[in-house]
PDB file of N, CA and C in Angstrom:
ATOM      1  N   UNK A   1     -48.773  42.762 -27.913  1.00  0.00           N
ATOM      2  CA  UNK A   1     -47.556  41.748 -27.630  1.00  0.00           C
ATOM      3  C   UNK A   1     -46.412  42.520 -27.820  1.00  0.00           C
ATOM      4  N   UNK A   2     -45.083  42.561 -27.131  1.00  0.00           N
ATOM      5  CA  UNK A   2     -44.088  43.747 -27.336  1.00  0.00           C
ATOM      6  C   UNK A   2     -42.964  42.373 -27.527  1.00  0.00           C
ATOM      7  N   UNK A   3     -42.289  42.695 -28.670  1.00  0.00           N
ATOM      8  CA  UNK A   3     -41.201  42.208 -29.199  1.00  0.00           C
ATOM      9  C   UNK A   3     -40.251  41.543 -28.208  1.00  0.00           C
ATOM     10  N   UNK A   4     -39.834  42.534 -26.979  1.00  0.00           N
ATOM     11  CA  UNK A   4     -39.136  41.923 -26.272  1.00  0.00           C
ATOM     12  C   UNK A   4     -39.524  40.602 -25.740  1.00  0.00           C
ATOM     13  N   UNK A   5     -40.660  40.181 -25.388  1.00  0.00           N
ATOM     14  CA  UNK A   5     -41.497  39.011 -25.220  1.00  0.00           C
ATOM     15  C   UNK A   5     -40.735  38.096 -26.103  1.00  0.00           C
ATOM     16  N   UNK A   6     -40.449  37.732 -27.006  1.00  0.00           N
ATOM     17  CA  UNK A   6     -39.851  36.580 -27.870  1.00  0.00           C
ATOM     18  C   UNK A   6     -38.432  36.487 -27.466  1.00  0.00           C
ATOM     19  N   UNK A   7     -37.801  37.594 -26.643  1.00  0.00           N
ATOM     20  CA  UNK A   7     -36.398  37.348 -26.110  1.00  0.00           C
ATOM     21  C   UNK A   7     -36.184  36.869 -24.961  1.00  0.00           C
ATOM     22  N   UNK A   8     -37.298  37.285 -24.240  1.00  0.00           N
ATOM     23  CA  UNK A   8     -37.419  36.885 -22.697  1.00  0.00           C
ATOM     24  C   UNK A   8     -37.214  35.439 -22.137  1.00  0.00           C
ATOM     25  N   UNK A   9     -36.254  34.561 -21.376  1.00  0.00           N
ATOM     26  CA  UNK A   9     -36.309  33.269 -21.824  1.00  0.00           C
ATOM     27  C   UNK A   9     -37.414  32.864 -20.277  1.00  0.00           C
ATOM     28  N   UNK A  10     -37.826  33.482 -19.720  1.00  0.00           N
ATOM     29  CA  UNK A  10     -39.043  33.224 -18.446  1.00  0.00           C
ATOM     30  C   UNK A  10     -40.421  33.610 -18.972  1.00  0.00           C
ATOM     31  N   UNK A  11     -40.425  33.183 -20.306  1.00  0.00           N
ATOM     32  CA  UNK A  11     -42.126  33.144 -20.478  1.00  0.00           C
ATOM     33  C   UNK A  11     -42.309  31.601 -20.988  1.00  0.00           C
ATOM     34  N   UNK A  12     -43.287  31.446 -21.457  1.00  0.00           N
ATOM     35  CA  UNK A  12     -43.638  29.907 -21.817  1.00  0.00           C
ATOM     36  C   UNK A  12     -43.737  29.929 -23.277  1.00  0.00           C
ATOM     37  N   UNK A  13     -43.326  28.765 -23.999  1.00  0.00           N
ATOM     38  CA  UNK A  13     -42.776  28.565 -24.984  1.00  0.00           C
ATOM     39  C   UNK A  13     -43.803  29.420 -26.732  1.00  0.00           C
ATOM     40  N   UNK A  14     -44.839  29.020 -26.244  1.00  0.00           N
ATOM     41  CA  UNK A  14     -46.124  29.490 -27.193  1.00  0.00           C
ATOM     42  C   UNK A  14     -46.112  31.028 -27.111  1.00  0.00           C
ATOM     43  N   UNK A  15     -45.901  31.533 -26.090  1.00  0.00           N
ATOM     44  CA  UNK A  15     -45.741  33.215 -25.814  1.00  0.00           C
ATOM     45  C   UNK A  15     -44.598  33.423 -26.359  1.00  0.00           C
ATOM     46  N   UNK A  16     -43.485  32.635 -26.362  1.00  0.00           N
ATOM     47  CA  UNK A  16     -42.448  33.309 -27.329  1.00  0.00           C
ATOM     48  C   UNK A  16     -42.380  33.318 -28.789  1.00  0.00           C
ATOM     49  N   UNK A  17     -43.529  32.165 -28.975  1.00  0.00           N
ATOM     50  CA  UNK A  17     -43.623  31.907 -30.635  1.00  0.00           C
ATOM     51  C   UNK A  17     -44.217  32.845 -31.563  1.00  0.00           C
ATOM     52  N   UNK A  18     -45.553  33.068 -30.308  1.00  0.00           N
ATOM     53  CA  UNK A  18     -46.663  34.107 -30.782  1.00  0.00           C
ATOM     54  C   UNK A  18     -45.817  35.427 -31.122  1.00  0.00           C
ATOM     55  N   UNK A  19     -44.979  35.793 -30.281  1.00  0.00           N
ATOM     56  CA  UNK A  19     -44.193  37.139 -29.805  1.00  0.00           C
ATOM     57  C   UNK A  19     -43.902  37.499 -31.520  1.00  0.00           C
ATOM     58  N   UNK A  20     -43.100  36.181 -31.733  1.00  0.00           N
ATOM     59  CA  UNK A  20     -42.745  36.296 -33.350  1.00  0.00           C
ATOM     60  C   UNK A  20     -43.125  36.397 -34.606  1.00  0.00           C
ATOM     61  N   UNK A  21     -44.709  35.959 -34.440  1.00  0.00           N
ATOM     62  CA  UNK A  21     -45.587  35.935 -35.986  1.00  0.00           C
ATOM     63  C   UNK A  21     -46.451  36.838 -35.191  1.00  0.00           C
ATOM     64  N   UNK A  22     -46.161  37.623 -34.270  1.00  0.00           N
ATOM     65  CA  UNK A  22     -47.401  38.491 -34.173  1.00  0.00           C
ATOM     66  C   UNK A  22     -47.722  39.676 -34.865  1.00  0.00           C
ATOM     67  N   UNK A  23     -48.691  40.093 -35.679  1.00  0.00           N
ATOM     68  CA  UNK A  23     -48.745  41.433 -36.606  1.00  0.00           C
ATOM     69  C   UNK A  23     -49.515  40.671 -37.868  1.00  0.00           C
ATOM     70  N   UNK A  24     -50.061  41.784 -38.208  1.00  0.00           N
ATOM     71  CA  UNK A  24     -51.277  41.326 -39.088  1.00  0.00           C
ATOM     72  C   UNK A  24     -50.709  40.778 -40.314  1.00  0.00           C
ATOM     73  N   UNK A  25     -49.457  41.044 -40.857  1.00  0.00           N
ATOM     74  CA  UNK A  25     -49.066  40.688 -42.385  1.00  0.00           C
ATOM     75  C   UNK A  25     -47.914  38.957 -42.009  1.00  0.00           C
ATOM     76  N   UNK A  26     -47.649  39.055 -40.784  1.00  0.00           N
ATOM     77  CA  UNK A  26     -46.578  38.149 -40.548  1.00  0.00           C
ATOM     78  C   UNK A  26     -46.636  36.739 -41.406  1.00  0.00           C
ATOM     79  N   UNK A  27     -47.621  36.112 -40.808  1.00  0.00           N
ATOM     80  CA  UNK A  27     -48.482  34.553 -41.007  1.00  0.00           C
ATOM     81  C   UNK A  27     -48.288  34.589 -42.672  1.00  0.00           C
ATOM     82  N   UNK A  28     -49.315  35.290 -43.284  1.00  0.00           N
ATOM     83  CA  UNK A  28     -49.401  35.356 -44.569  1.00  0.00           C
ATOM     84  C   UNK A  28     -47.773  35.636 -45.322  1.00  0.00           C
ATOM     85  N   UNK A  29     -47.140  36.591 -44.857  1.00  0.00           N
ATOM     86  CA  UNK A  29     -45.751  36.496 -45.409  1.00  0.00           C
ATOM     87  C   UNK A  29     -44.715  35.432 -45.436  1.00  0.00           C
ATOM     88  N   UNK A  30     -44.968  34.403 -44.284  1.00  0.00           N
ATOM     89  CA  UNK A  30     -44.537  32.800 -44.276  1.00  0.00           C
ATOM     90  C   UNK A  30     -45.509  32.359 -44.934  1.00  0.00           C
ATOM     91  N   UNK A  31     -46.482  31.988 -45.040  1.00  0.00           N
ATOM     92  CA  UNK A  31     -47.206  31.437 -46.128  1.00  0.00           C
ATOM     93  C   UNK A  31     -46.759  31.603 -47.712  1.00  0.00           C
ATOM     94  N   UNK A  32     -46.579  32.831 -48.095  1.00  0.00           N
ATOM     95  CA  UNK A  32     -46.637  33.147 -49.289  1.00  0.00           C
ATOM     96  C   UNK A  32     -44.948  32.820 -49.725  1.00  0.00           C
ATOM     97  N   UNK A  33     -44.047  33.311 -48.720  1.00  0.00           N
ATOM     98  CA  UNK A  33     -42.551  32.735 -48.745  1.00  0.00           C
ATOM     99  C   UNK A  33     -42.043  31.156 -48.560  1.00  0.00           C
ATOM    100  N   UNK A  34     -43.421  30.658 -48.196  1.00  0.00           N
ATOM    101  CA  UNK A  34     -42.962  28.901 -47.909  1.00  0.00           C
ATOM    102  C   UNK A  34     -43.265  28.813 -49.408  1.00  0.00           C
ATOM    103  N   UNK A  35     -43.861  29.184 -50.378  1.00  0.00           N
ATOM    104  CA  UNK A  35     -43.868  28.366 -51.877  1.00  0.00           C
ATOM    105  C   UNK A  35     -42.241  28.400 -52.092  1.00  0.00           C
ATOM    106  N   UNK A  36     -42.063  30.102 -52.325  1.00  0.00           N
ATOM    107  CA  UNK A  36     -40.817  30.222 -53.150  1.00  0.00           C
ATOM    108  C   UNK A  36     -39.954  31.783 -53.106  1.00  0.00           C
ATOM    109  N   UNK A  37     -38.734  31.922 -53.090  1.00  0.00           N
ATOM    110  CA  UNK A  37     -38.710  33.219 -52.527  1.00  0.00           C
ATOM    111  C   UNK A  37     -39.268  34.305 -53.634  1.00  0.00           C
ATOM    112  N   UNK A  38     -39.502  35.369 -53.010  1.00  0.00           N
ATOM    113  CA  UNK A  38     -40.462  36.535 -53.851  1.00  0.00           C
ATOM    114  C   UNK A  38     -39.468  38.015 -53.716  1.00  0.00           C
ATOM    115  N   UNK A  39     -39.608  39.071 -54.469  1.00  0.00           N
ATOM    116  CA  UNK A  39     -39.220  39.815 -54.284  1.00  0.00           C
ATOM    117  C   UNK A  39     -40.409  40.761 -53.660  1.00  0.00           C
ATOM    118  N   UNK A  40     -39.869  41.873 -52.804  1.00  0.00           N
ATOM    119  CA  UNK A  40     -40.740  43.017 -52.211  1.00  0.00           C
ATOM    120  C   UNK A  40     -41.648  43.223 -53.356  1.00  0.00           C
ATOM    121  N   UNK A  41     -41.653  43.118 -54.491  1.00  0.00           N
ATOM    122  CA  UNK A  41     -42.706  43.942 -54.936  1.00  0.00           C
ATOM    123  C   UNK A  41     -43.876  43.269 -55.549  1.00  0.00           C
ATOM    124  N   UNK A  42     -43.236  42.243 -55.738  1.00  0.00           N
ATOM    125  CA  UNK A  42     -44.713  40.710 -55.804  1.00  0.00           C
ATOM    126  C   UNK A  42     -45.319  40.828 -54.558  1.00  0.00           C
ATOM    127  N   UNK A  43     -44.867  40.392 -53.571  1.00  0.00           N
ATOM    128  CA  UNK A  43     -45.246  40.490 -52.262  1.00  0.00           C
ATOM    129  C   UNK A  43     -46.395  41.527 -51.737  1.00  0.00           C
ATOM    130  N   UNK A  44     -46.210  42.788 -52.677  1.00  0.00           N
ATOM    131  CA  UNK A  44     -46.904  43.942 -52.020  1.00  0.00           C
ATOM    132  C   UNK A  44     -48.292  43.860 -52.954  1.00  0.00           C
ATOM    133  N   UNK A  45     -47.755  43.319 -54.213  1.00  0.00           N
ATOM    134  CA  UNK A  45     -49.010  43.114 -54.959  1.00  0.00           C
ATOM    135  C   UNK A  45     -50.033  41.588 -54.903  1.00  0.00           C
ATOM    136  N   UNK A  46     -49.472  41.131 -54.322  1.00  0.00           N
ATOM    137  CA  UNK A  46     -50.318  39.631 -53.678  1.00  0.00           C
ATOM    138  C   UNK A  46     -51.167  40.134 -52.651  1.00  0.00           C
ATOM    139  N   UNK A  47     -50.433  41.102 -51.707  1.00  0.00           N
ATOM    140  CA  UNK A  47     -51.184  41.226 -50.358  1.00  0.00           C
ATOM    141  C   UNK A  47     -51.898  43.072 -50.843  1.00  0.00           C
ATOM    142  N   UNK A  48     -52.662  43.268 -51.308  1.00  0.00           N
ATOM    143  CA  UNK A  48     -53.587  44.835 -51.618  1.00  0.00           C
ATOM    144  C   UNK A  48     -53.323  45.254 -49.620  1.00  0.00           C
ATOM    145  N   UNK A  49     -53.160  46.526 -49.516  1.00  0.00           N
ATOM    146  CA  UNK A  49     -53.462  46.977 -48.160  1.00  0.00           C
ATOM    147  C   UNK A  49     -52.296  46.942 -47.654  1.00  0.00           C
ATOM    148  N   UNK A  50     -51.337  46.427 -48.068  1.00  0.00           N
ATOM    149  CA  UNK A  50     -50.264  46.189 -47.353  1.00  0.00           C
ATOM    150  C   UNK A  50     -49.290  47.391 -47.917  1.00  0.00           C
ATOM    151  N   UNK A  51     -48.603  48.218 -46.953  1.00  0.00           N
ATOM    152  CA  UNK A  51     -47.905  49.528 -47.575  1.00  0.00           C
ATOM    153  C   UNK A  51     -46.595  48.893 -48.148  1.00  0.00           C
ATOM    154  N   UNK A  52     -45.724  49.721 -48.671  1.00  0.00           N
ATOM    155  CA  UNK A  52     -44.435  49.527 -48.735  1.00  0.00           C
ATOM    156  C   UNK A  52     -43.661  49.609 -47.544  1.00  0.00           C
ATOM    157  N   UNK A  53     -43.821  50.681 -46.683  1.00  0.00           N
ATOM    158  CA  UNK A  53     -43.217  50.726 -45.096  1.00  0.00           C
ATOM    159  C   UNK A  53     -43.666  49.858 -44.670  1.00  0.00           C
ATOM    160  N   UNK A  54     -44.842  49.242 -44.499  1.00  0.00           N
ATOM    161  CA  UNK A  54     -44.931  48.599 -43.246  1.00  0.00           C
ATOM    162  C   UNK A  54     -44.202  47.117 -44.100  1.00  0.00           C
ATOM    163  N   UNK A  55     -44.178  46.617 -45.224  1.00  0.00           N
ATOM    164  CA  UNK A  55     -43.608  45.653 -45.552  1.00  0.00           C
ATOM    165  C   UNK A  55     -42.053  45.345 -45.757  1.00  0.00           C
ATOM    166  N   UNK A  56     -41.784  46.500 -45.780  1.00  0.00           N
ATOM    167  CA  UNK A  56     -40.045  46.641 -45.355  1.00  0.00           C
ATOM    168  C   UNK A  56     -40.263  46.581 -43.520  1.00  0.00           C
ATOM    169  N   UNK A  57     -40.469  47.453 -43.036  1.00  0.00           N
ATOM    170  CA  UNK A  57     -40.581  46.830 -41.934  1.00  0.00           C
ATOM    171  C   UNK A  57     -40.659  45.698 -40.957  1.00  0.00           C
ATOM    172  N   UNK A  58     -42.063  44.853 -41.591  1.00  0.00           N
ATOM    173  CA  UNK A  58     -42.380  43.710 -41.447  1.00  0.00           C
ATOM    174  C   UNK A  58     -41.276  42.724 -41.572  1.00  0.00           C
ATOM    175  N   UNK A  59     -40.641  43.150 -42.658  1.00  0.00           N
ATOM    176  CA  UNK A  59     -39.499  41.804 -43.093  1.00  0.00           C
ATOM    177  C   UNK A  59     -38.186  42.046 -42.572  1.00  0.00           C
ATOM    178  N   UNK A  60     -37.949  43.282 -42.040  1.00  0.00           N
ATOM    179  CA  UNK A  60     -36.662  43.705 -41.505  1.00  0.00           C
ATOM    180  C   UNK A  60     -37.072  42.763 -39.588  1.00  0.00           C
ATOM    181  N   UNK A  61     -37.993  42.651 -39.291  1.00  0.00           N
ATOM    182  CA  UNK A  61     -38.511  42.040 -38.052  1.00  0.00           C
ATOM    183  C   UNK A  61     -38.470  40.518 -38.328  1.00  0.00           C
ATOM    184  N   UNK A  62     -39.277  40.170 -39.467  1.00  0.00           N
ATOM    185  CA  UNK A  62     -38.906  38.814 -39.433  1.00  0.00           C
ATOM    186  C   UNK A  62     -37.245  38.165 -39.874  1.00  0.00           C
ATOM    187  N   UNK A  63     -36.320  38.809 -40.497  1.00  0.00           N
ATOM    188  CA  UNK A  63     -35.063  39.094 -40.960  1.00  0.00           C
ATOM    189  C   UNK A  63     -34.195  39.013 -39.538  1.00  0.00           C
ATOM    190  N   UNK A  64     -34.543  39.950 -38.279  1.00  0.00           N
ATOM    191  CA  UNK A  64     -33.864  40.081 -37.517  1.00  0.00           C
ATOM    192  C   UNK A  64     -34.247  38.969 -36.539  1.00  0.00           C
ATOM    193  N   UNK A  65     -35.576  38.323 -36.751  1.00  0.00           N
ATOM    194  CA  UNK A  65     -35.867  37.086 -35.748  1.00  0.00           C
ATOM    195  C   UNK A  65     -35.489  35.638 -36.296  1.00  0.00           C
ATOM    196  N   UNK A  66     -34.692  35.500 -37.398  1.00  0.00           N
ATOM    197  CA  UNK A  66     -34.063  34.899 -38.430  1.00  0.00           C
ATOM    198  C   UNK A  66     -34.854  33.643 -39.063  1.00  0.00           C
ATOM    199  N   UNK A  67     -36.184  34.373 -39.442  1.00  0.00           N
ATOM    200  CA  UNK A  67     -37.141  33.859 -40.121  1.00  0.00           C
ATOM    201  C   UNK A  67     -36.780  33.839 -41.836  1.00  0.00           C
ATOM    202  N   UNK A  68     -36.826  35.251 -42.175  1.00  0.00           N
ATOM    203  CA  UNK A  68     -36.254  35.271 -43.627  1.00  0.00           C
ATOM    204  C   UNK A  68     -34.847  35.847 -44.089  1.00  0.00           C
ATOM    205  N   UNK A  69     -34.512  35.552 -45.269  1.00  0.00           N
ATOM    206  CA  UNK A  69     -33.220  35.847 -45.312  1.00  0.00           C
ATOM    207  C   UNK A  69     -33.305  36.400 -46.734  1.00  0.00           C
ATOM    208  N   UNK A  70     -32.596  37.804 -46.613  1.00  0.00           N
ATOM    209  CA  UNK A  70     -32.477  39.029 -47.618  1.00  0.00           C
ATOM    210  C   UNK A  70     -31.595  38.744 -48.549  1.00  0.00           C
ATOM    211  N   UNK A  71     -31.750  38.786 -49.701  1.00  0.00           N
ATOM    212  CA  UNK A  71     -30.497  38.572 -50.366  1.00  0.00           C
ATOM    213  C   UNK A  71     -30.501  39.727 -51.831  1.00  0.00           C
ATOM    214  N   UNK A  72     -29.335  40.381 -51.462  1.00  0.00           N
ATOM    215  CA  UNK A  72     -29.123  41.554 -52.638  1.00  0.00           C
ATOM    216  C   UNK A  72     -28.693  41.151 -53.666  1.00  0.00           C
ATOM    217  N   UNK A  73     -28.990  41.125 -55.274  1.00  0.00           N
ATOM    218  CA  UNK A  73     -28.737  41.014 -56.639  1.00  0.00           C
ATOM    219  C   UNK A  73     -27.520  42.334 -56.715  1.00  0.00           C
ATOM    220  N   UNK A  74     -26.592  42.367 -57.378  1.00  0.00           N
ATOM    221  CA  UNK A  74     -25.903  43.676 -57.727  1.00  0.00           C
ATOM    222  C   UNK A  74     -26.528  43.714 -59.488  1.00  0.00           C
ATOM    223  N   UNK A  75     -26.442  44.849 -59.706  1.00  0.00           N
ATOM    224  CA  UNK A  75     -26.796  45.091 -61.100  1.00  0.00           C
ATOM    225  C   UNK A  75     -27.884  46.687 -61.179  1.00  0.00           C
ATOM    226  N   UNK A  76     -28.471  46.886 -61.604  1.00  0.00           N
ATOM    227  CA  UNK A  76     -29.339  48.057 -62.376  1.00  0.00           C
ATOM    228  C   UNK A  76     -30.701  47.756 -63.028  1.00  0.00           C
ATOM    229  N   UNK A  77     -31.895  47.947 -62.301  1.00  0.00           N
ATOM    230  CA  UNK A  77     -31.656  48.314 -60.740  1.00  0.00           C
ATOM    231  C   UNK A  77     -31.450  46.896 -59.631  1.00  0.00           C
ATOM    232  N   UNK A  78     -30.833  47.509 -58.487  1.00  0.00           N
ATOM    233  CA  UNK A  78     -30.448  46.216 -57.476  1.00  0.00           C
ATOM    234  C   UNK A  78     -31.885  45.320 -57.037  1.00  0.00           C
ATOM    235  N   UNK A  79     -31.866  44.066 -57.393  1.00  0.00           N
ATOM    236  CA  UNK A  79     -32.766  43.020 -57.019  1.00  0.00           C
ATOM    237  C   UNK A  79     -32.463  42.655 -55.562  1.00  0.00           C
ATOM    238  N   UNK A  80     -33.786  42.688 -54.984  1.00  0.00           N
ATOM    239  CA  UNK A  80     -33.842  42.147 -53.129  1.00  0.00           C
ATOM    240  C   UNK A  80     -34.867  41.070 -53.716  1.00  0.00           C
ATOM    241  N   UNK A  81     -34.398  40.107 -53.013  1.00  0.00           N
ATOM    242  CA  UNK A  81     -35.014  38.484 -52.672  1.00  0.00           C
ATOM    243  C   UNK A  81     -35.339  38.258 -51.655  1.00  0.00           C
ATOM    244  N   UNK A  82     -36.395  38.129 -50.653  1.00  0.00           N
ATOM    245  CA  UNK A  82     -36.508  37.304 -49.554  1.00  0.00           C
ATOM    246  C   UNK A  82     -36.912  35.879 -49.695  1.00  0.00           C
ATOM    247  N   UNK A  83     -36.517  35.148 -48.973  1.00  0.00           N
ATOM    248  CA  UNK A  83     -36.616  33.461 -48.505  1.00  0.00           C
ATOM    249  C   UNK A  83     -37.005  33.166 -47.157  1.00  0.00           C
ATOM    250  N   UNK A  84     -37.701  32.336 -47.068  1.00  0.00           N
ATOM    251  CA  UNK A  84     -37.336  31.421 -45.672  1.00  0.00           C
ATOM    252  C   UNK A  84     -36.174  31.305 -45.484  1.00  0.00           C
ATOM    253  N   UNK A  85     -35.592  31.298 -44.110  1.00  0.00           N
ATOM    254  CA  UNK A  85     -34.557  30.579 -43.307  1.00  0.00           C
ATOM    255  C   UNK A  85     -34.810  29.000 -43.194  1.00  0.00           C
ATOM    256  N   UNK A  86     -33.778  28.512 -42.895  1.00  0.00           N
ATOM    257  CA  UNK A  86     -34.469  26.981 -42.224  1.00  0.00           C
ATOM    258  C   UNK A  86     -35.487  27.431 -41.087  1.00  0.00           C
ATOM    259  N   UNK A  87     -35.037  28.262 -39.887  1.00  0.00           N
ATOM    260  CA  UNK A  87     -35.554  28.397 -38.977  1.00  0.00           C
ATOM    261  C   UNK A  87     -37.029  28.904 -39.196  1.00  0.00           C
ATOM    262  N   UNK A  88     -36.692  29.812 -40.472  1.00  0.00           N
ATOM    263  CA  UNK A  88     -38.628  30.390 -40.666  1.00  0.00           C
ATOM    264  C   UNK A  88     -39.655  29.234 -41.340  1.00  0.00           C
ATOM    265  N   UNK A  89     -38.489  27.948 -41.808  1.00  0.00           N
ATOM    266  CA  UNK A  89     -39.439  26.782 -42.704  1.00  0.00           C
ATOM    267  C   UNK A  89     -40.077  26.074 -41.494  1.00  0.00           C
ATOM    268  N   UNK A  90     -39.014  25.852 -40.559  1.00  0.00           N
ATOM    269  CA  UNK A  90     -39.409  25.468 -39.277  1.00  0.00           C
ATOM    270  C   UNK A  90     -40.678  25.739 -38.211  1.00  0.00           C
ATOM    271  N   UNK A  91     -40.846  27.291 -38.253  1.00  0.00           N
ATOM    272  CA  UNK A  91     -41.702  27.561 -37.603  1.00  0.00           C
ATOM    273  C   UNK A  91     -43.134  27.337 -38.562  1.00  0.00           C
ATOM    274  N   UNK A  92     -43.292  27.596 -39.711  1.00  0.00           N
ATOM    275  CA  UNK A  92     -44.327  27.507 -41.140  1.00  0.00           C
ATOM    276  C   UNK A  92     -44.706  26.093 -40.599  1.00  0.00           C
ATOM    277  N   UNK A  93     -44.188  24.819 -40.369  1.00  0.00           N
ATOM    278  CA  UNK A  93     -44.081  23.380 -40.337  1.00  0.00           C
ATOM    279  C   UNK A  93     -45.178  23.426 -39.034  1.00  0.00           C
ATOM    280  N   UNK A  94     -44.475  24.087 -38.048  1.00  0.00           N
ATOM    281  CA  UNK A  94     -45.249  23.800 -36.619  1.00  0.00           C
ATOM    282  C   UNK A  94     -46.343  24.847 -36.704  1.00  0.00           C
ATOM    283  N   UNK A  95     -46.345  25.182 -37.572  1.00  0.00           N
ATOM    284  CA  UNK A  95     -48.018  26.560 -37.336  1.00  0.00           C
ATOM    285  C   UNK A  95     -48.679  25.729 -38.538  1.00  0.00           C
ATOM    286  N   UNK A  96     -48.696  24.659 -39.180  1.00  0.00           N
ATOM    287  CA  UNK A  96     -49.396  23.965 -40.375  1.00  0.00           C
ATOM    288  C   UNK A  96     -50.586  23.423 -39.495  1.00  0.00           C
ATOM    289  N   UNK A  97     -50.481  22.220 -38.357  1.00  0.00           N
ATOM    290  CA  UNK A  97     -51.378  22.276 -37.403  1.00  0.00           C
ATOM    291  C   UNK A  97     -52.699  22.994 -37.144  1.00  0.00           C
ATOM    292  N   UNK A  98     -52.064  24.562 -36.818  1.00  0.00           N
ATOM    293  CA  UNK A  98     -52.875  25.792 -36.369  1.00  0.00           C
ATOM    294  C   UNK A  98     -53.636  25.702 -37.364  1.00  0.00           C
ATOM    295  N   UNK A  99     -53.199  25.547 -38.386  1.00  0.00           N
ATOM    296  CA  UNK A  99     -53.793  26.666 -39.610  1.00  0.00           C
ATOM    297  C   UNK A  99     -55.224  25.288 -39.895  1.00  0.00           C
ATOM    298  N   UNK A 100     -54.580  23.985 -39.732  1.00  0.00           N
ATOM    299  CA  UNK A 100     -55.642  22.895 -39.942  1.00  0.00           C
ATOM    300  C   UNK A 100     -56.395  23.054 -38.865  1.00  0.00           C
ATOM    301  N   UNK A 101     -56.261  23.579 -37.748  1.00  0.00           N
ATOM    302  CA  UNK A 101     -57.426  23.706 -36.462  1.00  0.00           C
ATOM    303  C   UNK A 101     -58.815  24.873 -36.782  1.00  0.00           C
ATOM    304  N   UNK A 102     -57.707  25.913 -37.619  1.00  0.00           N
ATOM    305  CA  UNK A 102     -58.174  27.015 -37.681  1.00  0.00           C
ATOM    306  C   UNK A 102     -59.210  26.857 -39.008  1.00  0.00           C
ATOM    307  N   UNK A 103     -58.944  25.889 -39.792  1.00  0.00           N
ATOM    308  CA  UNK A 103     -59.776  25.706 -41.177  1.00  0.00           C
ATOM    309  C   UNK A 103     -61.052  24.887 -40.586  1.00  0.00           C
ATOM    310  N   UNK A 104     -60.567  23.923 -39.557  1.00  0.00           N
ATOM    311  CA  UNK A 104     -61.813  23.223 -39.255  1.00  0.00           C
ATOM    312  C   UNK A 104     -62.988  24.235 -38.628  1.00  0.00           C
ATOM    313  N   UNK A 105     -62.381  25.239 -37.859  1.00  0.00           N
ATOM    314  CA  UNK A 105     -63.099  25.874 -37.045  1.00  0.00           C
ATOM    315  C   UNK A 105     -63.830  26.887 -37.715  1.00  0.00           C
ATOM    316  N   UNK A 106     -63.353  27.372 -38.851  1.00  0.00           N
ATOM    317  CA  UNK A 106     -64.059  28.031 -39.683  1.00  0.00           C
ATOM    318  C   UNK A 106     -65.361  27.262 -40.567  1.00  0.00           C
ATOM    319  N   UNK A 107     -65.411  26.006 -40.764  1.00  0.00           N
ATOM    320  CA  UNK A 107     -66.525  25.188 -41.296  1.00  0.00           C
ATOM    321  C   UNK A 107     -67.175  24.711 -40.260  1.00  0.00           C
ATOM    322  N   UNK A 108     -66.987  24.806 -39.026  1.00  0.00           N
ATOM    323  CA  UNK A 108     -67.914  24.527 -38.068  1.00  0.00           C
ATOM    324  C   UNK A 108     -68.690  25.613 -37.788  1.00  0.00           C
ATOM    325  N   UNK A 109     -68.199  26.960 -38.098  1.00  0.00           N
ATOM    326  CA  UNK A 109     -68.829  28.291 -37.951  1.00  0.00           C
ATOM    327  C   UNK A 109     -69.982  28.562 -38.687  1.00  0.00           C
ATOM    328  N   UNK A 110     -69.221  27.946 -40.458  1.00  0.00           N
ATOM    329  CA  UNK A 110     -69.914  28.232 -41.577  1.00  0.00           C
ATOM    330  C   UNK A 110     -71.347  26.877 -41.200  1.00  0.00           C
ATOM    331  N   UNK A 111     -71.082  25.827 -40.704  1.00  0.00           N
ATOM    332  CA  UNK A 111     -72.564  24.896 -40.929  1.00  0.00           C
ATOM    333  C   UNK A 111     -73.076  25.462 -39.820  1.00  0.00           C
ATOM    334  N   UNK A 112     -72.842  26.189 -38.522  1.00  0.00           N
ATOM    335  CA  UNK A 112     -73.854  26.626 -37.560  1.00  0.00           C
ATOM    336  C   UNK A 112     -74.627  27.274 -38.382  1.00  0.00           C
TER     337      UNK A 112
END
């Protein structure tokens, strides 16, 4: 799915929402940032296999979509912190029932 679908007014709302969270790392980053703000290094340590390049690209996309806020603190070294915006928190709340459904599905599959 292309990022342009997230901005196309002629698609259904679900398609627009999925276009914003499409990708391997976005939903887990939302979940981690839901608990508290994180520095990029913390996020990388929590997500083995996520490269610095992909993390930076993903966070920039999420920032452009209004989901995360990037704050740079002056000092040596510069300190960058990412947190959820109100819009990102709203998306996270909207995804909670989907997460519950996914857990029920996994339990059902494990019981089979």
